[in-house]
Amino acid sequence: MSVQNTKSSLVTVNCGIPQGSILGPLLFLIYINDIGNVLPSKILKLYADDTNIFIFERDMESVAKIANEYMFKLRLVYSKQVKFEY
């Protein structure tokens, strides 16, 4: 990346799908296909490679609580399918 004549250093990426690959969209759809079985469909909107979760509550504490519950559910399902390495 270059911003105002300053370039970032190169870094090797050891995971993911190369951008522009033929398999990329198919693998994404396979990966994301089950999200509707984990979260209520009324709060979930999917379009192409964009996923939105809508939470409507009276206060931010309630929104945060529900969002954390949803993230916990997603983590349980997707951590079984994907190995997260740091």
N, C-alpha and C. Protein backbone atom coordinates (compact mmCIF):
# COMPACT_ATOMS: atom_id res chain seq x y z
N MET A 1 0.84 -1.16 0.00
CA MET A 1 0.00 0.00 0.00
C MET A 1 0.90 1.23 0.00
N SER A 2 0.45 2.25 -0.66
CA SER A 2 1.21 3.50 -0.73
C SER A 2 0.27 4.67 -0.43
N VAL A 3 0.67 5.50 0.53
CA VAL A 3 -0.09 6.69 0.88
C VAL A 3 0.87 7.85 0.94
N GLN A 4 0.65 8.85 0.12
CA GLN A 4 1.49 10.04 0.06
C GLN A 4 2.97 9.67 -0.01
N ASN A 5 3.32 8.83 -0.98
CA ASN A 5 4.69 8.39 -1.25
C ASN A 5 5.33 7.59 -0.12
N THR A 6 4.54 7.13 0.84
CA THR A 6 5.05 6.26 1.90
C THR A 6 4.48 4.87 1.67
N LYS A 7 5.37 3.88 1.53
CA LYS A 7 4.93 2.52 1.23
C LYS A 7 5.02 1.63 2.46
N SER A 8 4.02 0.76 2.60
CA SER A 8 4.06 -0.21 3.69
C SER A 8 4.96 -1.37 3.28
N SER A 9 5.41 -2.12 4.26
CA SER A 9 6.28 -3.25 3.98
C SER A 9 5.45 -4.45 3.53
N LEU A 10 6.08 -5.38 2.82
CA LEU A 10 5.41 -6.58 2.37
C LEU A 10 5.27 -7.57 3.52
N VAL A 11 4.15 -8.26 3.57
CA VAL A 11 3.90 -9.25 4.60
C VAL A 11 3.32 -10.49 3.91
N THR A 12 3.81 -11.66 4.29
CA THR A 12 3.28 -12.90 3.75
C THR A 12 1.96 -13.24 4.43
N VAL A 13 0.95 -13.56 3.63
CA VAL A 13 -0.36 -13.94 4.15
C VAL A 13 -0.46 -15.46 4.06
N ASN A 14 -0.68 -16.10 5.21
CA ASN A 14 -0.69 -17.56 5.27
C ASN A 14 -2.10 -18.15 5.35
N CYS A 15 -3.12 -17.35 5.12
CA CYS A 15 -4.48 -17.86 5.22
C CYS A 15 -5.37 -17.11 4.24
N GLY A 16 -6.59 -17.60 4.10
CA GLY A 16 -7.56 -16.93 3.25
C GLY A 16 -7.49 -17.38 1.81
N ILE A 17 -8.27 -16.73 0.98
CA ILE A 17 -8.36 -17.01 -0.44
C ILE A 17 -7.81 -15.81 -1.19
N PRO A 18 -6.94 -16.02 -2.16
CA PRO A 18 -6.41 -14.88 -2.91
C PRO A 18 -7.53 -14.06 -3.56
N GLN A 19 -7.41 -12.76 -3.49
CA GLN A 19 -8.40 -11.89 -4.09
C GLN A 19 -8.44 -12.11 -5.59
N GLY A 20 -9.63 -12.19 -6.15
CA GLY A 20 -9.78 -12.40 -7.58
C GLY A 20 -9.77 -13.85 -7.98
N SER A 21 -9.70 -14.77 -7.03
CA SER A 21 -9.68 -16.19 -7.37
C SER A 21 -11.07 -16.66 -7.81
N ILE A 22 -11.10 -17.70 -8.58
CA ILE A 22 -12.37 -18.27 -9.04
C ILE A 22 -13.08 -18.97 -7.89
N LEU A 23 -12.33 -19.59 -7.00
CA LEU A 23 -12.93 -20.32 -5.89
C LEU A 23 -13.42 -19.41 -4.76
N GLY A 24 -12.91 -18.20 -4.68
CA GLY A 24 -13.24 -17.29 -3.59
C GLY A 24 -14.72 -17.14 -3.31
N PRO A 25 -15.54 -16.75 -4.31
CA PRO A 25 -16.97 -16.58 -4.06
C PRO A 25 -17.66 -17.88 -3.64
N LEU A 26 -17.29 -18.99 -4.24
CA LEU A 26 -17.91 -20.26 -3.89
C LEU A 26 -17.58 -20.66 -2.45
N LEU A 27 -16.32 -20.53 -2.07
CA LEU A 27 -15.93 -20.87 -0.70
C LEU A 27 -16.59 -19.95 0.31
N PHE A 28 -16.74 -18.68 -0.04
CA PHE A 28 -17.43 -17.75 0.86
C PHE A 28 -18.88 -18.18 1.06
N LEU A 29 -19.57 -18.53 -0.01
CA LEU A 29 -20.97 -18.95 0.10
C LEU A 29 -21.12 -20.22 0.94
N ILE A 30 -20.20 -21.16 0.77
CA ILE A 30 -20.24 -22.38 1.57
C ILE A 30 -20.04 -22.03 3.04
N TYR A 31 -19.13 -21.13 3.31
CA TYR A 31 -18.81 -20.74 4.68
C TYR A 31 -19.97 -20.01 5.35
N ILE A 32 -20.59 -19.10 4.63
CA ILE A 32 -21.60 -18.21 5.22
C ILE A 32 -23.02 -18.80 5.14
N ASN A 33 -23.19 -19.87 4.39
CA ASN A 33 -24.51 -20.42 4.11
C ASN A 33 -25.31 -20.76 5.37
N ASP A 34 -24.69 -21.23 6.42
CA ASP A 34 -25.40 -21.68 7.61
C ASP A 34 -25.69 -20.58 8.63
N ILE A 35 -25.31 -19.37 8.35
CA ILE A 35 -25.50 -18.30 9.34
C ILE A 35 -26.98 -18.11 9.67
N GLY A 36 -27.87 -18.36 8.70
CA GLY A 36 -29.30 -18.24 8.94
C GLY A 36 -29.85 -19.29 9.90
N ASN A 37 -29.10 -20.38 10.09
CA ASN A 37 -29.50 -21.40 11.06
C ASN A 37 -29.04 -21.07 12.47
N VAL A 38 -28.15 -20.10 12.59
CA VAL A 38 -27.58 -19.73 13.88
C VAL A 38 -28.30 -18.51 14.46
N LEU A 39 -28.58 -17.52 13.63
CA LEU A 39 -29.22 -16.28 14.07
C LEU A 39 -30.62 -16.19 13.49
N PRO A 40 -31.52 -15.46 14.17
CA PRO A 40 -32.88 -15.30 13.64
C PRO A 40 -32.85 -14.58 12.28
N SER A 41 -33.56 -15.12 11.31
CA SER A 41 -33.53 -14.55 9.96
C SER A 41 -34.09 -13.13 9.91
N LYS A 42 -34.97 -12.77 10.85
CA LYS A 42 -35.57 -11.43 10.81
C LYS A 42 -34.55 -10.33 11.12
N ILE A 43 -33.43 -10.65 11.76
CA ILE A 43 -32.43 -9.62 12.07
C ILE A 43 -31.24 -9.68 11.13
N LEU A 44 -31.22 -10.66 10.24
CA LEU A 44 -30.06 -10.92 9.40
C LEU A 44 -30.34 -10.52 7.96
N LYS A 45 -29.46 -9.75 7.37
CA LYS A 45 -29.59 -9.36 5.96
C LYS A 45 -28.28 -9.70 5.26
N LEU A 46 -28.38 -10.50 4.20
CA LEU A 46 -27.21 -10.88 3.41
C LEU A 46 -27.37 -10.35 2.00
N TYR A 47 -26.31 -9.77 1.48
CA TYR A 47 -26.29 -9.34 0.08
C TYR A 47 -24.87 -9.49 -0.44
N ALA A 48 -24.71 -10.35 -1.43
CA ALA A 48 -23.38 -10.63 -2.01
C ALA A 48 -22.43 -11.03 -0.89
N ASP A 49 -21.38 -10.25 -0.67
CA ASP A 49 -20.42 -10.60 0.39
C ASP A 49 -20.58 -9.70 1.62
N ASP A 50 -21.75 -9.12 1.77
CA ASP A 50 -22.00 -8.21 2.89
C ASP A 50 -23.04 -8.83 3.81
N THR A 51 -22.77 -8.85 5.11
CA THR A 51 -23.69 -9.39 6.10
C THR A 51 -23.96 -8.32 7.15
N ASN A 52 -25.23 -8.08 7.41
CA ASN A 52 -25.63 -7.11 8.42
C ASN A 52 -26.54 -7.76 9.44
N ILE A 53 -26.34 -7.40 10.70
CA ILE A 53 -27.21 -7.86 11.78
C ILE A 53 -27.86 -6.62 12.37
N PHE A 54 -29.20 -6.62 12.39
CA PHE A 54 -29.95 -5.48 12.92
C PHE A 54 -30.54 -5.84 14.27
N ILE A 55 -30.23 -5.03 15.28
CA ILE A 55 -30.73 -5.25 16.62
C ILE A 55 -31.45 -3.97 17.06
N PHE A 56 -32.72 -4.10 17.39
CA PHE A 56 -33.52 -2.94 17.81
C PHE A 56 -33.92 -3.12 19.27
N GLU A 57 -33.41 -2.25 20.12
CA GLU A 57 -33.73 -2.26 21.55
C GLU A 57 -33.87 -0.83 22.03
N ARG A 58 -34.34 -0.67 23.24
CA ARG A 58 -34.56 0.67 23.80
C ARG A 58 -33.29 1.36 24.27
N ASP A 59 -32.27 0.59 24.65
CA ASP A 59 -31.04 1.21 25.16
C ASP A 59 -29.82 0.43 24.67
N MET A 60 -28.67 1.09 24.72
CA MET A 60 -27.44 0.50 24.20
C MET A 60 -26.97 -0.69 25.01
N GLU A 61 -27.27 -0.73 26.30
CA GLU A 61 -26.88 -1.89 27.12
C GLU A 61 -27.58 -3.15 26.62
N SER A 62 -28.84 -3.04 26.27
CA SER A 62 -29.59 -4.18 25.74
C SER A 62 -29.05 -4.60 24.38
N VAL A 63 -28.74 -3.63 23.55
CA VAL A 63 -28.16 -3.92 22.23
C VAL A 63 -26.84 -4.65 22.39
N ALA A 64 -25.99 -4.16 23.28
CA ALA A 64 -24.68 -4.79 23.51
C ALA A 64 -24.84 -6.22 24.03
N LYS A 65 -25.79 -6.42 24.94
CA LYS A 65 -26.02 -7.76 25.50
C LYS A 65 -26.45 -8.74 24.42
N ILE A 66 -27.40 -8.34 23.59
CA ILE A 66 -27.88 -9.21 22.52
C ILE A 66 -26.79 -9.44 21.48
N ALA A 67 -26.06 -8.41 21.13
CA ALA A 67 -24.97 -8.55 20.15
C ALA A 67 -23.93 -9.54 20.65
N ASN A 68 -23.59 -9.46 21.92
CA ASN A 68 -22.62 -10.40 22.49
C ASN A 68 -23.16 -11.83 22.48
N GLU A 69 -24.45 -12.01 22.74
CA GLU A 69 -25.05 -13.34 22.68
C GLU A 69 -24.97 -13.91 21.27
N TYR A 70 -25.27 -13.07 20.27
CA TYR A 70 -25.20 -13.51 18.88
C TYR A 70 -23.76 -13.86 18.49
N MET A 71 -22.82 -13.03 18.91
CA MET A 71 -21.42 -13.30 18.57
C MET A 71 -20.95 -14.60 19.23
N PHE A 72 -21.41 -14.88 20.44
CA PHE A 72 -21.06 -16.13 21.11
C PHE A 72 -21.59 -17.32 20.32
N LYS A 73 -22.85 -17.24 19.87
CA LYS A 73 -23.44 -18.31 19.07
C LYS A 73 -22.66 -18.53 17.78
N LEU A 74 -22.32 -17.42 17.11
CA LEU A 74 -21.56 -17.52 15.86
C LEU A 74 -20.19 -18.14 16.10
N ARG A 75 -19.56 -17.74 17.17
CA ARG A 75 -18.23 -18.27 17.50
C ARG A 75 -18.29 -19.78 17.75
N LEU A 76 -19.34 -20.23 18.43
CA LEU A 76 -19.49 -21.66 18.70
C LEU A 76 -19.61 -22.46 17.40
N VAL A 77 -20.40 -21.96 16.47
CA VAL A 77 -20.63 -22.68 15.22
C VAL A 77 -19.41 -22.61 14.31
N TYR A 78 -18.88 -21.41 14.10
CA TYR A 78 -17.82 -21.25 13.11
C TYR A 78 -16.45 -21.67 13.63
N SER A 79 -16.25 -21.70 14.92
CA SER A 79 -14.94 -22.16 15.42
C SER A 79 -14.79 -23.66 15.24
N LYS A 80 -15.90 -24.39 15.09
CA LYS A 80 -15.82 -25.82 14.81
C LYS A 80 -15.43 -26.07 13.36
N GLN A 81 -15.80 -25.13 12.48
CA GLN A 81 -15.54 -25.30 11.06
C GLN A 81 -14.20 -24.71 10.63
N VAL A 82 -13.77 -23.70 11.36
CA VAL A 82 -12.57 -22.97 10.96
C VAL A 82 -11.58 -22.98 12.11
N LYS A 83 -10.36 -23.23 11.81
CA LYS A 83 -9.32 -23.19 12.83
C LYS A 83 -8.74 -21.78 12.88
N PHE A 84 -8.92 -21.10 14.02
CA PHE A 84 -8.39 -19.75 14.18
C PHE A 84 -6.98 -19.84 14.73
N GLU A 85 -6.06 -19.22 14.04
CA GLU A 85 -4.67 -19.19 14.49
C GLU A 85 -4.21 -17.75 14.58
N TYR A 86 -3.40 -17.48 15.58
CA TYR A 86 -2.88 -16.12 15.75
C TYR A 86 -1.39 -16.14 15.68
